[in-house]
Amino acid sequence: APRPPRAFFGFYAPNALCWPRFKTGEIVWVDPARPARPGDDVMIAKKFARRAGERITIAELVELDASTLGIREYGSGALHILSLHGLSNRFVVAREH
């Protein structure tokens, strides 16, 4: 049986925080169906506890286990370990081949 088409979505890189991987204004395509693996570019959404809205981060996934993930920020290269608790979504950014 044929598979249904995969649903990608895209957004414009908002600023230099995604540099050097993405330039400001570049379209960033996201594949929400693909599982994230270390080395992937990922989009992470974290809900705010006391107010509406989410914070979106684009980074390189460095490590992933059952309770945490490690990301490296573009630009600064800073490494962050985040608890999976409180993350509303993790999506893989689709790389061009």
PDB file of N, CA and C in Angstrom:
ATOM      1  N   ALA A   1       0.844  -1.185   0.000  1.00  0.00           N
ATOM      2  CA  ALA A   1       0.000   0.000   0.000  1.00  0.00           C
ATOM      3  C   ALA A   1       0.882   1.239   0.000  1.00  0.00           C
ATOM      4  N   PRO A   2       0.508   2.246  -0.762  1.00  0.00           N
ATOM      5  CA  PRO A   2       1.308   3.468  -0.790  1.00  0.00           C
ATOM      6  C   PRO A   2       1.236   4.202   0.543  1.00  0.00           C
ATOM      7  N   ARG A   3       2.332   4.823   0.895  1.00  0.00           N
ATOM      8  CA  ARG A   3       2.385   5.604   2.129  1.00  0.00           C
ATOM      9  C   ARG A   3       1.801   6.990   1.880  1.00  0.00           C
ATOM     10  N   PRO A   4       1.144   7.555   2.896  1.00  0.00           N
ATOM     11  CA  PRO A   4       0.685   8.937   2.736  1.00  0.00           C
ATOM     12  C   PRO A   4       1.894   9.878   2.700  1.00  0.00           C
ATOM     13  N   PRO A   5       1.766  11.022   2.049  1.00  0.00           N
ATOM     14  CA  PRO A   5       2.902  11.952   2.011  1.00  0.00           C
ATOM     15  C   PRO A   5       3.236  12.458   3.411  1.00  0.00           C
ATOM     16  N   ARG A   6       4.530  12.716   3.636  1.00  0.00           N
ATOM     17  CA  ARG A   6       4.964  13.243   4.923  1.00  0.00           C
ATOM     18  C   ARG A   6       4.705  14.735   4.963  1.00  0.00           C
ATOM     19  N   ALA A   7       4.336  15.225   6.120  1.00  0.00           N
ATOM     20  CA  ALA A   7       4.024  16.639   6.293  1.00  0.00           C
ATOM     21  C   ALA A   7       5.238  17.363   6.867  1.00  0.00           C
ATOM     22  N   PHE A   8       5.892  18.158   6.046  1.00  0.00           N
ATOM     23  CA  PHE A   8       6.977  19.019   6.482  1.00  0.00           C
ATOM     24  C   PHE A   8       6.390  20.397   6.769  1.00  0.00           C
ATOM     25  N   PHE A   9       7.083  21.181   7.568  1.00  0.00           N
ATOM     26  CA  PHE A   9       6.728  22.590   7.676  1.00  0.00           C
ATOM     27  C   PHE A   9       8.015  23.390   7.698  1.00  0.00           C
ATOM     28  N   GLY A  10       7.911  24.657   7.414  1.00  0.00           N
ATOM     29  CA  GLY A  10       9.096  25.503   7.346  1.00  0.00           C
ATOM     30  C   GLY A  10       8.861  26.838   8.012  1.00  0.00           C
ATOM     31  N   PHE A  11       9.961  27.520   8.285  1.00  0.00           N
ATOM     32  CA  PHE A  11       9.906  28.872   8.835  1.00  0.00           C
ATOM     33  C   PHE A  11      11.175  29.586   8.393  1.00  0.00           C
ATOM     34  N   TYR A  12      11.167  30.890   8.488  1.00  0.00           N
ATOM     35  CA  TYR A  12      12.350  31.670   8.157  1.00  0.00           C
ATOM     36  C   TYR A  12      13.247  31.777   9.389  1.00  0.00           C
ATOM     37  N   ALA A  13      14.533  31.513   9.214  1.00  0.00           N
ATOM     38  CA  ALA A  13      15.476  31.671  10.325  1.00  0.00           C
ATOM     39  C   ALA A  13      15.373  33.123  10.801  1.00  0.00           C
ATOM     40  N   PRO A  14      15.048  33.318  12.075  1.00  0.00           N
ATOM     41  CA  PRO A  14      14.692  34.657  12.535  1.00  0.00           C
ATOM     42  C   PRO A  14      15.845  35.641  12.703  1.00  0.00           C
ATOM     43  N   ASN A  15      17.025  35.139  13.035  1.00  0.00           N
ATOM     44  CA  ASN A  15      18.127  36.053  13.330  1.00  0.00           C
ATOM     45  C   ASN A  15      19.446  35.296  13.287  1.00  0.00           C
ATOM     46  N   ALA A  16      20.497  35.960  13.690  1.00  0.00           N
ATOM     47  CA  ALA A  16      21.835  35.376  13.615  1.00  0.00           C
ATOM     48  C   ALA A  16      22.083  34.296  14.667  1.00  0.00           C
ATOM     49  N   LEU A  17      21.128  34.009  15.548  1.00  0.00           N
ATOM     50  CA  LEU A  17      21.326  32.967  16.544  1.00  0.00           C
ATOM     51  C   LEU A  17      21.459  31.582  15.919  1.00  0.00           C
ATOM     52  N   CYS A  18      20.986  31.414  14.694  1.00  0.00           N
ATOM     53  CA  CYS A  18      21.085  30.128  14.002  1.00  0.00           C
ATOM     54  C   CYS A  18      22.342  30.042  13.134  1.00  0.00           C
ATOM     55  N   TRP A  19      23.104  31.132  13.041  1.00  0.00           N
ATOM     56  CA  TRP A  19      24.309  31.171  12.223  1.00  0.00           C
ATOM     57  C   TRP A  19      25.420  30.381  12.905  1.00  0.00           C
ATOM     58  N   PRO A  20      26.272  29.657  12.271  1.00  0.00           N
ATOM     59  CA  PRO A  20      26.515  29.638  10.830  1.00  0.00           C
ATOM     60  C   PRO A  20      25.715  28.566  10.084  1.00  0.00           C
ATOM     61  N   ARG A  21      24.932  27.752  10.777  1.00  0.00           N
ATOM     62  CA  ARG A  21      24.198  26.679  10.086  1.00  0.00           C
ATOM     63  C   ARG A  21      23.120  27.249   9.175  1.00  0.00           C
ATOM     64  N   PHE A  22      22.403  28.291   9.645  1.00  0.00           N
ATOM     65  CA  PHE A  22      21.338  28.918   8.866  1.00  0.00           C
ATOM     66  C   PHE A  22      21.544  30.419   8.851  1.00  0.00           C
ATOM     67  N   LYS A  23      21.332  31.011   7.698  1.00  0.00           N
ATOM     68  CA  LYS A  23      21.437  32.468   7.566  1.00  0.00           C
ATOM     69  C   LYS A  23      20.099  33.110   7.900  1.00  0.00           C
ATOM     70  N   THR A  24      20.132  34.333   8.411  1.00  0.00           N
ATOM     71  CA  THR A  24      18.909  35.074   8.702  1.00  0.00           C
ATOM     72  C   THR A  24      18.062  35.149   7.441  1.00  0.00           C
ATOM     73  N   GLY A  25      16.788  34.780   7.560  1.00  0.00           N
ATOM     74  CA  GLY A  25      15.870  34.822   6.433  1.00  0.00           C
ATOM     75  C   GLY A  25      15.828  33.558   5.597  1.00  0.00           C
ATOM     76  N   GLU A  26      16.749  32.629   5.827  1.00  0.00           N
ATOM     77  CA  GLU A  26      16.755  31.360   5.093  1.00  0.00           C
ATOM     78  C   GLU A  26      15.565  30.508   5.541  1.00  0.00           C
ATOM     79  N   ILE A  27      14.950  29.778   4.607  1.00  0.00           N
ATOM     80  CA  ILE A  27      13.865  28.878   4.971  1.00  0.00           C
ATOM     81  C   ILE A  27      14.463  27.625   5.609  1.00  0.00           C
ATOM     82  N   VAL A  28      13.967  27.287   6.785  1.00  0.00           N
ATOM     83  CA  VAL A  28      14.388  26.101   7.521  1.00  0.00           C
ATOM     84  C   VAL A  28      13.234  25.107   7.457  1.00  0.00           C
ATOM     85  N   TRP A  29      13.471  23.953   6.857  1.00  0.00           N
ATOM     86  CA  TRP A  29      12.437  22.928   6.730  1.00  0.00           C
ATOM     87  C   TRP A  29      12.542  21.944   7.875  1.00  0.00           C
ATOM     88  N   VAL A  30      11.400  21.531   8.410  1.00  0.00           N
ATOM     89  CA  VAL A  30      11.347  20.648   9.570  1.00  0.00           C
ATOM     90  C   VAL A  30      10.545  19.397   9.214  1.00  0.00           C
ATOM     91  N   ASP A  31      11.067  18.231   9.603  1.00  0.00           N
ATOM     92  CA  ASP A  31      10.413  16.949   9.381  1.00  0.00           C
ATOM     93  C   ASP A  31       9.955  16.409  10.736  1.00  0.00           C
ATOM     94  N   PRO A  32       8.695  16.643  11.127  1.00  0.00           N
ATOM     95  CA  PRO A  32       8.240  16.223  12.458  1.00  0.00           C
ATOM     96  C   PRO A  32       8.109  14.715  12.635  1.00  0.00           C
ATOM     97  N   ALA A  33       8.142  13.948  11.552  1.00  0.00           N
ATOM     98  CA  ALA A  33       7.968  12.493  11.656  1.00  0.00           C
ATOM     99  C   ALA A  33       9.282  11.754  11.872  1.00  0.00           C
ATOM    100  N   ARG A  34      10.406  12.398  11.616  1.00  0.00           N
ATOM    101  CA  ARG A  34      11.697  11.719  11.704  1.00  0.00           C
ATOM    102  C   ARG A  34      12.253  11.756  13.124  1.00  0.00           C
ATOM    103  N   PRO A  35      12.637  10.620  13.687  1.00  0.00           N
ATOM    104  CA  PRO A  35      13.236  10.618  15.027  1.00  0.00           C
ATOM    105  C   PRO A  35      14.586  11.336  15.023  1.00  0.00           C
ATOM    106  N   ALA A  36      14.842  12.075  16.072  1.00  0.00           N
ATOM    107  CA  ALA A  36      16.101  12.811  16.193  1.00  0.00           C
ATOM    108  C   ALA A  36      17.221  11.882  16.628  1.00  0.00           C
ATOM    109  N   ARG A  37      18.413  12.098  16.031  1.00  0.00           N
ATOM    110  CA  ARG A  37      19.616  11.346  16.393  1.00  0.00           C
ATOM    111  C   ARG A  37      20.748  12.344  16.630  1.00  0.00           C
ATOM    112  N   PRO A  38      21.731  11.985  17.442  1.00  0.00           N
ATOM    113  CA  PRO A  38      22.878  12.873  17.623  1.00  0.00           C
ATOM    114  C   PRO A  38      23.481  13.258  16.266  1.00  0.00           C
ATOM    115  N   GLY A  39      23.801  14.540  16.145  1.00  0.00           N
ATOM    116  CA  GLY A  39      24.326  15.084  14.902  1.00  0.00           C
ATOM    117  C   GLY A  39      23.273  15.784  14.067  1.00  0.00           C
ATOM    118  N   ASP A  40      21.978  15.538  14.369  1.00  0.00           N
ATOM    119  CA  ASP A  40      20.884  16.194  13.640  1.00  0.00           C
ATOM    120  C   ASP A  40      20.715  17.628  14.111  1.00  0.00           C
ATOM    121  N   ASP A  41      20.262  18.478  13.185  1.00  0.00           N
ATOM    122  CA  ASP A  41      19.764  19.796  13.563  1.00  0.00           C
ATOM    123  C   ASP A  41      18.356  19.571  14.089  1.00  0.00           C
ATOM    124  N   VAL A  42      18.023  20.175  15.230  1.00  0.00           N
ATOM    125  CA  VAL A  42      16.705  19.975  15.821  1.00  0.00           C
ATOM    126  C   VAL A  42      16.064  21.304  16.193  1.00  0.00           C
ATOM    127  N   MET A  43      14.740  21.301  16.173  1.00  0.00           N
ATOM    128  CA  MET A  43      13.949  22.421  16.663  1.00  0.00           C
ATOM    129  C   MET A  43      13.272  21.923  17.926  1.00  0.00           C
ATOM    130  N   ILE A  44      13.479  22.618  19.025  1.00  0.00           N
ATOM    131  CA  ILE A  44      12.944  22.208  20.320  1.00  0.00           C
ATOM    132  C   ILE A  44      11.981  23.283  20.802  1.00  0.00           C
ATOM    133  N   ALA A  45      10.798  22.873  21.228  1.00  0.00           N
ATOM    134  CA  ALA A  45       9.806  23.793  21.778  1.00  0.00           C
ATOM    135  C   ALA A  45       9.650  23.505  23.258  1.00  0.00           C
ATOM    136  N   LYS A  46       9.823  24.515  24.078  1.00  0.00           N
ATOM    137  CA  LYS A  46       9.668  24.381  25.531  1.00  0.00           C
ATOM    138  C   LYS A  46       8.550  25.297  25.980  1.00  0.00           C
ATOM    139  N   LYS A  47       7.561  24.708  26.650  1.00  0.00           N
ATOM    140  CA  LYS A  47       6.438  25.499  27.163  1.00  0.00           C
ATOM    141  C   LYS A  47       6.860  26.258  28.413  1.00  0.00           C
ATOM    142  N   PHE A  48       6.336  27.481  28.545  1.00  0.00           N
ATOM    143  CA  PHE A  48       6.543  28.249  29.760  1.00  0.00           C
ATOM    144  C   PHE A  48       5.542  27.784  30.808  1.00  0.00           C
ATOM    145  N   ALA A  49       6.002  27.621  32.034  1.00  0.00           N
ATOM    146  CA  ALA A  49       5.153  27.071  33.092  1.00  0.00           C
ATOM    147  C   ALA A  49       4.031  28.025  33.487  1.00  0.00           C
ATOM    148  N   ARG A  50       4.299  29.305  33.578  1.00  0.00           N
ATOM    149  CA  ARG A  50       3.312  30.227  34.148  1.00  0.00           C
ATOM    150  C   ARG A  50       2.674  31.166  33.142  1.00  0.00           C
ATOM    151  N   ARG A  51       3.003  31.029  31.886  1.00  0.00           N
ATOM    152  CA  ARG A  51       2.382  31.914  30.898  1.00  0.00           C
ATOM    153  C   ARG A  51       2.205  31.163  29.586  1.00  0.00           C
ATOM    154  N   ALA A  52       1.385  31.705  28.758  1.00  0.00           N
ATOM    155  CA  ALA A  52       1.128  31.069  27.466  1.00  0.00           C
ATOM    156  C   ALA A  52       2.344  31.234  26.562  1.00  0.00           C
ATOM    157  N   GLY A  53       2.518  30.298  25.675  1.00  0.00           N
ATOM    158  CA  GLY A  53       3.584  30.410  24.693  1.00  0.00           C
ATOM    159  C   GLY A  53       4.679  29.381  24.886  1.00  0.00           C
ATOM    160  N   GLU A  54       5.565  29.373  23.913  1.00  0.00           N
ATOM    161  CA  GLU A  54       6.684  28.442  23.909  1.00  0.00           C
ATOM    162  C   GLU A  54       7.947  29.183  23.511  1.00  0.00           C
ATOM    163  N   ARG A  55       9.080  28.641  23.896  1.00  0.00           N
ATOM    164  CA  ARG A  55      10.367  29.139  23.435  1.00  0.00           C
ATOM    165  C   ARG A  55      10.895  28.112  22.440  1.00  0.00           C
ATOM    166  N   ILE A  56      11.257  28.574  21.277  1.00  0.00           N
ATOM    167  CA  ILE A  56      11.763  27.706  20.225  1.00  0.00           C
ATOM    168  C   ILE A  56      13.277  27.854  20.147  1.00  0.00           C
ATOM    169  N   THR A  57      13.984  26.737  20.092  1.00  0.00           N
ATOM    170  CA  THR A  57      15.435  26.722  19.964  1.00  0.00           C
ATOM    171  C   THR A  57      15.806  25.845  18.777  1.00  0.00           C
ATOM    172  N   ILE A  58      16.740  26.316  17.962  1.00  0.00           N
ATOM    173  CA  ILE A  58      17.301  25.523  16.868  1.00  0.00           C
ATOM    174  C   ILE A  58      18.758  25.248  17.244  1.00  0.00           C
ATOM    175  N   ALA A  59      19.139  23.972  17.255  1.00  0.00           N
ATOM    176  CA  ALA A  59      20.479  23.605  17.708  1.00  0.00           C
ATOM    177  C   ALA A  59      20.865  22.248  17.135  1.00  0.00           C
ATOM    178  N   GLU A  60      22.100  21.853  17.383  1.00  0.00           N
ATOM    179  CA  GLU A  60      22.554  20.510  17.020  1.00  0.00           C
ATOM    180  C   GLU A  60      22.312  19.581  18.199  1.00  0.00           C
ATOM    181  N   LEU A  61      21.697  18.437  17.935  1.00  0.00           N
ATOM    182  CA  LEU A  61      21.506  17.437  18.981  1.00  0.00           C
ATOM    183  C   LEU A  61      22.832  16.721  19.201  1.00  0.00           C
ATOM    184  N   VAL A  62      23.314  16.738  20.438  1.00  0.00           N
ATOM    185  CA  VAL A  62      24.595  16.122  20.766  1.00  0.00           C
ATOM    186  C   VAL A  62      24.386  14.761  21.411  1.00  0.00           C
ATOM    187  N   GLU A  63      23.419  14.669  22.320  1.00  0.00           N
ATOM    188  CA  GLU A  63      23.140  13.388  22.982  1.00  0.00           C
ATOM    189  C   GLU A  63      21.679  13.336  23.364  1.00  0.00           C
ATOM    190  N   LEU A  64      21.166  12.124  23.481  1.00  0.00           N
ATOM    191  CA  LEU A  64      19.762  11.912  23.826  1.00  0.00           C
ATOM    192  C   LEU A  64      19.660  10.616  24.613  1.00  0.00           C
ATOM    193  N   ASP A  65      18.991  10.672  25.776  1.00  0.00           N
ATOM    194  CA  ASP A  65      18.705   9.445  26.515  1.00  0.00           C
ATOM    195  C   ASP A  65      17.252   9.492  26.972  1.00  0.00           C
ATOM    196  N   ALA A  66      16.861   8.621  27.880  1.00  0.00           N
ATOM    197  CA  ALA A  66      15.456   8.500  28.268  1.00  0.00           C
ATOM    198  C   ALA A  66      14.908   9.728  28.985  1.00  0.00           C
ATOM    199  N   SER A  67      15.767  10.550  29.604  1.00  0.00           N
ATOM    200  CA  SER A  67      15.256  11.676  30.383  1.00  0.00           C
ATOM    201  C   SER A  67      15.848  13.035  30.017  1.00  0.00           C
ATOM    202  N   THR A  68      16.939  13.064  29.257  1.00  0.00           N
ATOM    203  CA  THR A  68      17.579  14.343  28.917  1.00  0.00           C
ATOM    204  C   THR A  68      18.027  14.360  27.460  1.00  0.00           C
ATOM    205  N   LEU A  69      18.275  15.565  26.987  1.00  0.00           N
ATOM    206  CA  LEU A  69      18.946  15.710  25.701  1.00  0.00           C
ATOM    207  C   LEU A  69      19.998  16.793  25.827  1.00  0.00           C
ATOM    208  N   GLY A  70      21.058  16.635  25.081  1.00  0.00           N
ATOM    209  CA  GLY A  70      22.132  17.619  25.052  1.00  0.00           C
ATOM    210  C   GLY A  70      22.127  18.300  23.701  1.00  0.00           C
ATOM    211  N   ILE A  71      22.176  19.634  23.712  1.00  0.00           N
ATOM    212  CA  ILE A  71      22.208  20.393  22.462  1.00  0.00           C
ATOM    213  C   ILE A  71      23.377  21.362  22.467  1.00  0.00           C
ATOM    214  N   ARG A  72      23.875  21.651  21.277  1.00  0.00           N
ATOM    215  CA  ARG A  72      24.916  22.661  21.099  1.00  0.00           C
ATOM    216  C   ARG A  72      24.303  23.811  20.315  1.00  0.00           C
ATOM    217  N   GLU A  73      24.304  24.999  20.916  1.00  0.00           N
ATOM    218  CA  GLU A  73      23.759  26.190  20.259  1.00  0.00           C
ATOM    219  C   GLU A  73      24.619  26.574  19.065  1.00  0.00           C
ATOM    220  N   TYR A  74      23.962  27.023  18.032  1.00  0.00           N
ATOM    221  CA  TYR A  74      24.702  27.605  16.919  1.00  0.00           C
ATOM    222  C   TYR A  74      25.163  28.988  17.346  1.00  0.00           C
ATOM    223  N   GLY A  75      26.189  29.483  16.733  1.00  0.00           N
ATOM    224  CA  GLY A  75      26.717  30.801  17.079  1.00  0.00           C
ATOM    225  C   GLY A  75      27.674  30.708  18.247  1.00  0.00           C
ATOM    226  N   SER A  76      27.145  30.520  19.466  1.00  0.00           N
ATOM    227  CA  SER A  76      27.992  30.508  20.662  1.00  0.00           C
ATOM    228  C   SER A  76      28.696  29.174  20.861  1.00  0.00           C
ATOM    229  N   GLY A  77      28.103  28.084  20.375  1.00  0.00           N
ATOM    230  CA  GLY A  77      28.679  26.763  20.599  1.00  0.00           C
ATOM    231  C   GLY A  77      28.443  26.234  22.002  1.00  0.00           C
ATOM    232  N   ALA A  78      27.624  26.944  22.795  1.00  0.00           N
ATOM    233  CA  ALA A  78      27.359  26.538  24.173  1.00  0.00           C
ATOM    234  C   ALA A  78      26.609  25.212  24.204  1.00  0.00           C
ATOM    235  N   LEU A  79      26.991  24.353  25.145  1.00  0.00           N
ATOM    236  CA  LEU A  79      26.349  23.053  25.319  1.00  0.00           C
ATOM    237  C   LEU A  79      25.349  23.150  26.465  1.00  0.00           C
ATOM    238  N   HIS A  80      24.121  22.646  26.241  1.00  0.00           N
ATOM    239  CA  HIS A  80      23.077  22.653  27.264  1.00  0.00           C
ATOM    240  C   HIS A  80      22.509  21.245  27.402  1.00  0.00           C
ATOM    241  N   ILE A  81      22.290  20.824  28.625  1.00  0.00           N
ATOM    242  CA  ILE A  81      21.609  19.563  28.908  1.00  0.00           C
ATOM    243  C   ILE A  81      20.202  19.932  29.389  1.00  0.00           C
ATOM    244  N   LEU A  82      19.182  19.428  28.693  1.00  0.00           N
ATOM    245  CA  LEU A  82      17.797  19.769  29.000  1.00  0.00           C
ATOM    246  C   LEU A  82      17.035  18.522  29.436  1.00  0.00           C
ATOM    247  N   SER A  83      16.155  18.703  30.397  1.00  0.00           N
ATOM    248  CA  SER A  83      15.257  17.623  30.794  1.00  0.00           C
ATOM    249  C   SER A  83      14.175  17.488  29.730  1.00  0.00           C
ATOM    250  N   LEU A  84      13.819  16.262  29.386  1.00  0.00           N
ATOM    251  CA  LEU A  84      12.742  16.054  28.424  1.00  0.00           C
ATOM    252  C   LEU A  84      11.396  16.460  29.017  1.00  0.00           C
ATOM    253  N   HIS A  85      11.301  16.484  30.347  1.00  0.00           N
ATOM    254  CA  HIS A  85      10.077  16.939  31.007  1.00  0.00           C
ATOM    255  C   HIS A  85       9.914  18.435  30.724  1.00  0.00           C
ATOM    256  N   GLY A  86       8.775  18.831  30.238  1.00  0.00           N
ATOM    257  CA  GLY A  86       8.538  20.238  29.946  1.00  0.00           C
ATOM    258  C   GLY A  86       8.777  20.613  28.497  1.00  0.00           C
ATOM    259  N   LEU A  87       9.389  19.720  27.734  1.00  0.00           N
ATOM    260  CA  LEU A  87       9.537  19.997  26.311  1.00  0.00           C
ATOM    261  C   LEU A  87       8.258  19.564  25.618  1.00  0.00           C
ATOM    262  N   SER A  88       7.669  20.461  24.854  1.00  0.00           N
ATOM    263  CA  SER A  88       6.413  20.114  24.203  1.00  0.00           C
ATOM    264  C   SER A  88       6.650  19.393  22.882  1.00  0.00           C
ATOM    265  N   ASN A  89       7.748  19.673  22.215  1.00  0.00           N
ATOM    266  CA  ASN A  89       8.039  19.016  20.941  1.00  0.00           C
ATOM    267  C   ASN A  89       9.532  19.010  20.668  1.00  0.00           C
ATOM    268  N   ARG A  90       9.946  17.984  19.925  1.00  0.00           N
ATOM    269  CA  ARG A  90      11.311  17.914  19.385  1.00  0.00           C
ATOM    270  C   ARG A  90      11.155  17.509  17.935  1.00  0.00           C
ATOM    271  N   PHE A  91      11.635  18.331  17.036  1.00  0.00           N
ATOM    272  CA  PHE A  91      11.511  18.045  15.620  1.00  0.00           C
ATOM    273  C   PHE A  91      12.885  18.067  14.971  1.00  0.00           C
ATOM    274  N   VAL A  92      13.057  17.254  13.958  1.00  0.00           N
ATOM    275  CA  VAL A  92      14.302  17.246  13.211  1.00  0.00           C
ATOM    276  C   VAL A  92      14.203  18.226  12.063  1.00  0.00           C
ATOM    277  N   VAL A  93      15.227  19.046  11.940  1.00  0.00           N
ATOM    278  CA  VAL A  93      15.319  19.959  10.803  1.00  0.00           C
ATOM    279  C   VAL A  93      15.811  19.148   9.615  1.00  0.00           C
ATOM    280  N   ALA A  94      15.095  19.216   8.514  1.00  0.00           N
ATOM    281  CA  ALA A  94      15.436  18.450   7.321  1.00  0.00           C
ATOM    282  C   ALA A  94      16.640  19.071   6.626  1.00  0.00           C
ATOM    283  N   ARG A  95      17.716  18.323   6.531  1.00  0.00           N
ATOM    284  CA  ARG A  95      18.913  18.819   5.841  1.00  0.00           C
ATOM    285  C   ARG A  95      18.764  18.639   4.341  1.00  0.00           C
ATOM    286  N   GLU A  96      19.369  19.568   3.621  1.00  0.00           N
ATOM    287  CA  GLU A  96      19.412  19.413   2.160  1.00  0.00           C
ATOM    288  C   GLU A  96      20.484  18.404   1.825  1.00  0.00           C
ATOM    289  N   HIS A  97      20.225  17.570   0.832  1.00  0.00           N
ATOM    290  CA  HIS A  97      21.206  16.557   0.438  1.00  0.00           C
ATOM    291  C   HIS A  97      21.805  16.917  -0.888  1.00  0.00           C
TER     292      HIS A  97
END
